[in-house]
């Protein structure tokens, strides 16, 4: 299995007003986007070419929207401080750029 192109842990994943997980994972690997619970169970996944990622104009820098299989998810990347000596979680902008790059859509 190839190295993931993008990985974020500790991600709050929500659908509409409902929180699905407070410490989930977002992974882009082998041309697929995966949304996972903190236990590694799949919430949703799709080929990255079929995923729409954007930044809500009204939200903080740590929030992104991802439309996967027709379902819109809100992602909060970077909600908490990193542990001492660890890098912080990726920002929403990095996630959006990773989706576009993996899908071959450029910047």
N, C-alpha and C. Protein backbone atom coordinates (compact mmCIF):
# COMPACT_ATOMS: atom_id res chain seq x y z
N UNK A 1 0.85 -1.18 0.00
CA UNK A 1 0.00 0.00 0.00
C UNK A 1 0.89 1.24 0.00
N UNK A 2 0.55 2.19 -0.81
CA UNK A 2 1.33 3.42 -0.94
C UNK A 2 1.14 4.32 0.28
N UNK A 3 2.09 5.19 0.46
CA UNK A 3 2.01 6.19 1.54
C UNK A 3 0.83 7.12 1.27
N UNK A 4 0.01 7.42 2.30
CA UNK A 4 -1.12 8.33 2.08
C UNK A 4 -0.65 9.70 1.62
N UNK A 5 -1.41 10.31 0.72
CA UNK A 5 -1.10 11.64 0.23
C UNK A 5 -1.50 12.71 1.24
N UNK A 6 -2.47 12.38 2.08
CA UNK A 6 -2.93 13.31 3.11
C UNK A 6 -3.53 12.49 4.25
N UNK A 7 -3.18 12.83 5.47
CA UNK A 7 -3.75 12.19 6.64
C UNK A 7 -3.95 13.23 7.71
N UNK A 8 -5.10 13.21 8.34
CA UNK A 8 -5.37 14.09 9.48
C UNK A 8 -6.09 13.25 10.53
N UNK A 9 -5.67 13.37 11.77
CA UNK A 9 -6.33 12.69 12.87
C UNK A 9 -6.90 13.73 13.82
N UNK A 10 -7.76 13.31 14.70
CA UNK A 10 -8.37 14.25 15.64
C UNK A 10 -9.34 15.20 14.95
N UNK A 11 -9.96 14.73 13.87
CA UNK A 11 -10.85 15.57 13.06
C UNK A 11 -12.29 15.38 13.53
N UNK A 12 -12.97 16.48 13.76
CA UNK A 12 -14.41 16.40 14.04
C UNK A 12 -15.13 16.32 12.71
N UNK A 13 -15.92 15.25 12.54
CA UNK A 13 -16.66 15.03 11.31
C UNK A 13 -18.14 15.10 11.64
N UNK A 14 -18.85 15.97 10.94
CA UNK A 14 -20.27 16.13 11.18
C UNK A 14 -21.07 16.06 9.89
N UNK A 15 -22.35 15.77 10.04
CA UNK A 15 -23.27 15.74 8.91
C UNK A 15 -24.47 16.56 9.33
N UNK A 16 -24.73 17.65 8.61
CA UNK A 16 -25.75 18.62 8.99
C UNK A 16 -25.42 19.15 10.39
N UNK A 17 -26.32 19.04 11.32
CA UNK A 17 -26.05 19.54 12.67
C UNK A 17 -25.59 18.43 13.62
N UNK A 18 -25.41 17.24 13.09
CA UNK A 18 -25.07 16.09 13.92
C UNK A 18 -23.58 15.77 13.83
N UNK A 19 -22.95 15.58 14.99
CA UNK A 19 -21.55 15.17 15.02
C UNK A 19 -21.46 13.66 14.91
N UNK A 20 -20.68 13.18 13.95
CA UNK A 20 -20.50 11.75 13.76
C UNK A 20 -19.33 11.22 14.57
N UNK A 21 -18.29 12.02 14.70
CA UNK A 21 -17.14 11.67 15.53
C UNK A 21 -16.40 12.95 15.89
N UNK A 22 -15.81 12.95 17.07
CA UNK A 22 -15.06 14.12 17.53
C UNK A 22 -13.57 13.96 17.33
N UNK A 23 -13.13 12.75 17.04
CA UNK A 23 -11.70 12.50 16.87
C UNK A 23 -11.47 11.55 15.71
N UNK A 24 -12.08 11.85 14.58
CA UNK A 24 -11.99 10.97 13.42
C UNK A 24 -10.72 11.17 12.62
N UNK A 25 -10.69 10.49 11.50
CA UNK A 25 -9.54 10.56 10.61
C UNK A 25 -10.00 10.86 9.19
N UNK A 26 -9.17 11.63 8.48
CA UNK A 26 -9.40 11.89 7.06
C UNK A 26 -8.13 11.42 6.36
N UNK A 27 -8.32 10.59 5.32
CA UNK A 27 -7.16 10.05 4.64
C UNK A 27 -7.41 10.05 3.14
N UNK A 28 -6.40 10.49 2.38
CA UNK A 28 -6.41 10.40 0.92
C UNK A 28 -5.26 9.48 0.56
N UNK A 29 -5.60 8.34 -0.05
CA UNK A 29 -4.59 7.36 -0.42
C UNK A 29 -5.08 6.56 -1.62
N UNK A 30 -4.18 6.29 -2.53
CA UNK A 30 -4.50 5.49 -3.72
C UNK A 30 -5.73 6.00 -4.46
N UNK A 31 -5.87 7.32 -4.55
CA UNK A 31 -6.96 7.91 -5.32
C UNK A 31 -8.32 7.88 -4.64
N UNK A 32 -8.36 7.58 -3.32
CA UNK A 32 -9.62 7.54 -2.58
C UNK A 32 -9.54 8.43 -1.35
N UNK A 33 -10.66 9.05 -1.05
CA UNK A 33 -10.80 9.81 0.20
C UNK A 33 -11.58 8.93 1.16
N UNK A 34 -11.10 8.82 2.39
CA UNK A 34 -11.78 8.04 3.41
C UNK A 34 -12.04 8.91 4.63
N UNK A 35 -13.25 8.85 5.14
CA UNK A 35 -13.61 9.49 6.40
C UNK A 35 -13.81 8.35 7.39
N UNK A 36 -13.05 8.35 8.49
CA UNK A 36 -13.05 7.25 9.44
C UNK A 36 -13.36 7.73 10.85
N UNK A 37 -13.96 6.86 11.65
CA UNK A 37 -14.17 7.17 13.06
C UNK A 37 -12.83 7.07 13.79
N UNK A 38 -12.84 7.41 15.07
CA UNK A 38 -11.62 7.32 15.87
C UNK A 38 -11.16 5.87 16.02
N UNK A 39 -12.08 4.92 15.82
CA UNK A 39 -11.74 3.50 15.91
C UNK A 39 -11.33 2.91 14.58
N UNK A 40 -11.35 3.70 13.52
CA UNK A 40 -10.95 3.23 12.20
C UNK A 40 -12.08 2.69 11.35
N UNK A 41 -13.32 2.74 11.84
CA UNK A 41 -14.46 2.30 11.04
C UNK A 41 -14.77 3.36 9.99
N UNK A 42 -15.17 2.90 8.82
CA UNK A 42 -15.44 3.83 7.73
C UNK A 42 -16.79 4.52 7.89
N UNK A 43 -16.76 5.85 7.81
CA UNK A 43 -17.99 6.63 7.77
C UNK A 43 -18.45 6.73 6.32
N UNK A 44 -17.50 7.06 5.43
CA UNK A 44 -17.79 7.19 4.01
C UNK A 44 -16.47 7.21 3.26
N UNK A 45 -16.52 6.83 1.99
CA UNK A 45 -15.33 6.93 1.14
C UNK A 45 -15.78 7.01 -0.31
N UNK A 46 -14.91 7.54 -1.13
CA UNK A 46 -15.22 7.68 -2.55
C UNK A 46 -13.93 7.96 -3.31
N UNK A 47 -13.94 7.69 -4.62
CA UNK A 47 -12.79 8.11 -5.43
C UNK A 47 -12.64 9.63 -5.30
N UNK A 48 -11.41 10.06 -5.17
CA UNK A 48 -11.18 11.49 -4.91
C UNK A 48 -11.69 12.36 -6.05
N UNK A 49 -11.77 11.84 -7.27
CA UNK A 49 -12.30 12.61 -8.39
C UNK A 49 -13.77 12.94 -8.22
N UNK A 50 -14.49 12.15 -7.41
CA UNK A 50 -15.92 12.37 -7.19
C UNK A 50 -16.20 13.21 -5.94
N UNK A 51 -15.14 13.65 -5.26
CA UNK A 51 -15.29 14.41 -4.02
C UNK A 51 -15.19 15.90 -4.32
N UNK A 52 -16.08 16.67 -3.71
CA UNK A 52 -15.99 18.13 -3.79
C UNK A 52 -15.56 18.65 -2.43
N UNK A 53 -14.50 19.42 -2.40
CA UNK A 53 -14.00 19.99 -1.14
C UNK A 53 -13.98 21.50 -1.27
N UNK A 54 -14.43 22.18 -0.23
CA UNK A 54 -14.46 23.64 -0.28
C UNK A 54 -14.34 24.20 1.13
N UNK A 55 -14.19 25.49 1.16
CA UNK A 55 -14.09 26.22 2.43
C UNK A 55 -15.34 27.05 2.58
N UNK A 56 -16.09 26.86 3.68
CA UNK A 56 -17.26 27.72 3.88
C UNK A 56 -16.80 29.16 4.11
N UNK A 57 -17.44 30.09 3.47
CA UNK A 57 -17.00 31.49 3.56
C UNK A 57 -17.18 32.07 4.95
N UNK A 58 -18.05 31.50 5.76
CA UNK A 58 -18.37 32.04 7.07
C UNK A 58 -17.61 31.37 8.20
N UNK A 59 -16.78 30.36 7.91
CA UNK A 59 -16.18 29.53 8.95
C UNK A 59 -14.73 29.92 9.26
N UNK A 60 -14.24 29.38 10.35
CA UNK A 60 -12.85 29.57 10.75
C UNK A 60 -11.92 28.84 9.79
N UNK A 61 -10.62 29.11 9.92
CA UNK A 61 -9.62 28.51 9.03
C UNK A 61 -9.48 27.01 9.20
N UNK A 62 -10.00 26.46 10.29
CA UNK A 62 -9.85 25.03 10.52
C UNK A 62 -11.03 24.21 9.99
N UNK A 63 -11.96 24.83 9.30
CA UNK A 63 -13.16 24.13 8.83
C UNK A 63 -13.18 23.98 7.32
N UNK A 64 -13.69 22.82 6.89
CA UNK A 64 -13.83 22.54 5.45
C UNK A 64 -15.12 21.76 5.25
N UNK A 65 -15.61 21.82 4.02
CA UNK A 65 -16.76 21.00 3.62
C UNK A 65 -16.26 19.96 2.63
N UNK A 66 -16.78 18.75 2.76
CA UNK A 66 -16.47 17.70 1.80
C UNK A 66 -17.77 17.03 1.40
N UNK A 67 -18.04 17.00 0.10
CA UNK A 67 -19.22 16.31 -0.40
C UNK A 67 -18.76 14.97 -0.95
N UNK A 68 -19.20 13.90 -0.28
CA UNK A 68 -18.79 12.54 -0.62
C UNK A 68 -20.05 11.73 -0.89
N UNK A 69 -20.17 11.18 -2.10
CA UNK A 69 -21.34 10.38 -2.48
C UNK A 69 -22.65 11.13 -2.25
N UNK A 70 -22.65 12.41 -2.53
CA UNK A 70 -23.86 13.22 -2.39
C UNK A 70 -24.17 13.68 -0.98
N UNK A 71 -23.35 13.30 -0.01
CA UNK A 71 -23.55 13.71 1.38
C UNK A 71 -22.53 14.78 1.74
N UNK A 72 -23.00 15.86 2.33
CA UNK A 72 -22.11 16.95 2.72
C UNK A 72 -21.67 16.76 4.18
N UNK A 73 -20.36 16.73 4.37
CA UNK A 73 -19.78 16.59 5.70
C UNK A 73 -19.04 17.87 6.06
N UNK A 74 -19.12 18.26 7.31
CA UNK A 74 -18.30 19.37 7.81
C UNK A 74 -17.11 18.75 8.54
N UNK A 75 -15.95 19.26 8.25
CA UNK A 75 -14.72 18.77 8.85
C UNK A 75 -14.07 19.90 9.63
N UNK A 76 -13.70 19.62 10.86
CA UNK A 76 -12.96 20.58 11.66
C UNK A 76 -11.57 20.00 11.88
N UNK A 77 -10.60 20.56 11.17
CA UNK A 77 -9.22 20.09 11.22
C UNK A 77 -8.41 21.09 12.03
N UNK A 78 -7.94 20.71 13.18
CA UNK A 78 -7.12 21.62 13.97
C UNK A 78 -7.87 22.24 15.11
N UNK A 79 -8.83 21.53 15.66
CA UNK A 79 -9.64 22.07 16.74
C UNK A 79 -8.88 22.16 18.06
N UNK A 80 -7.97 21.22 18.30
CA UNK A 80 -7.27 21.22 19.59
C UNK A 80 -5.78 21.44 19.41
N UNK A 81 -5.11 21.79 20.51
CA UNK A 81 -3.68 22.01 20.49
C UNK A 81 -2.97 20.67 20.35
N UNK A 82 -1.84 20.65 19.64
CA UNK A 82 -1.10 19.40 19.51
C UNK A 82 -0.43 19.03 20.83
N UNK A 83 -0.13 17.76 20.98
CA UNK A 83 0.60 17.30 22.16
C UNK A 83 2.02 17.87 22.08
N UNK A 84 2.68 18.03 23.23
CA UNK A 84 4.05 18.56 23.20
C UNK A 84 4.96 17.72 22.30
N UNK A 85 5.68 18.39 21.43
CA UNK A 85 6.59 17.72 20.52
C UNK A 85 5.95 17.18 19.25
N UNK A 86 4.65 17.31 19.10
CA UNK A 86 3.98 16.83 17.90
C UNK A 86 3.50 18.00 17.05
N UNK A 87 3.51 17.77 15.75
CA UNK A 87 3.02 18.81 14.85
C UNK A 87 1.50 18.91 14.97
N UNK A 88 0.99 20.09 14.76
CA UNK A 88 -0.45 20.28 14.84
C UNK A 88 -1.16 19.66 13.65
N UNK A 89 -2.47 19.47 13.75
CA UNK A 89 -3.22 18.90 12.64
C UNK A 89 -3.22 19.83 11.43
N UNK A 90 -3.36 19.27 10.25
CA UNK A 90 -3.35 20.10 9.05
C UNK A 90 -4.54 21.05 9.00
N UNK A 91 -4.33 22.16 8.38
CA UNK A 91 -5.40 23.14 8.24
C UNK A 91 -6.34 22.74 7.11
N UNK A 92 -7.50 23.32 7.09
CA UNK A 92 -8.51 23.03 6.07
C UNK A 92 -7.97 23.31 4.67
N UNK A 93 -7.21 24.36 4.52
CA UNK A 93 -6.68 24.71 3.20
C UNK A 93 -5.80 23.60 2.64
N UNK A 94 -4.98 22.99 3.50
CA UNK A 94 -4.14 21.88 3.05
C UNK A 94 -4.98 20.69 2.61
N UNK A 95 -6.09 20.43 3.30
CA UNK A 95 -6.99 19.34 2.93
C UNK A 95 -7.58 19.61 1.54
N UNK A 96 -8.08 20.81 1.34
CA UNK A 96 -8.70 21.17 0.06
C UNK A 96 -7.69 21.06 -1.07
N UNK A 97 -6.47 21.54 -0.85
CA UNK A 97 -5.43 21.44 -1.86
C UNK A 97 -5.07 19.99 -2.15
N UNK A 98 -5.05 19.14 -1.12
CA UNK A 98 -4.73 17.73 -1.30
C UNK A 98 -5.80 17.02 -2.13
N UNK A 99 -7.06 17.36 -1.91
CA UNK A 99 -8.15 16.77 -2.70
C UNK A 99 -8.00 17.19 -4.16
N UNK A 100 -7.78 18.45 -4.40
CA UNK A 100 -7.64 18.93 -5.78
C UNK A 100 -6.43 18.33 -6.49
N UNK A 101 -5.32 18.22 -5.76
CA UNK A 101 -4.11 17.65 -6.34
C UNK A 101 -4.31 16.18 -6.66
N UNK A 102 -4.89 15.43 -5.73
CA UNK A 102 -5.12 13.98 -5.94
C UNK A 102 -6.09 13.74 -7.09
N UNK A 103 -7.03 14.65 -7.28
CA UNK A 103 -8.01 14.51 -8.36
C UNK A 103 -7.47 15.04 -9.70
N UNK A 104 -6.28 15.62 -9.68
CA UNK A 104 -5.69 16.15 -10.90
C UNK A 104 -6.28 17.46 -11.34
N UNK A 105 -6.89 18.20 -10.39
CA UNK A 105 -7.51 19.48 -10.73
C UNK A 105 -6.60 20.67 -10.50
N UNK A 106 -5.37 20.43 -10.05
CA UNK A 106 -4.45 21.54 -9.81
C UNK A 106 -4.83 22.34 -8.60
N UNK A 107 -4.48 23.61 -8.59
CA UNK A 107 -4.74 24.46 -7.41
C UNK A 107 -6.11 24.97 -7.51
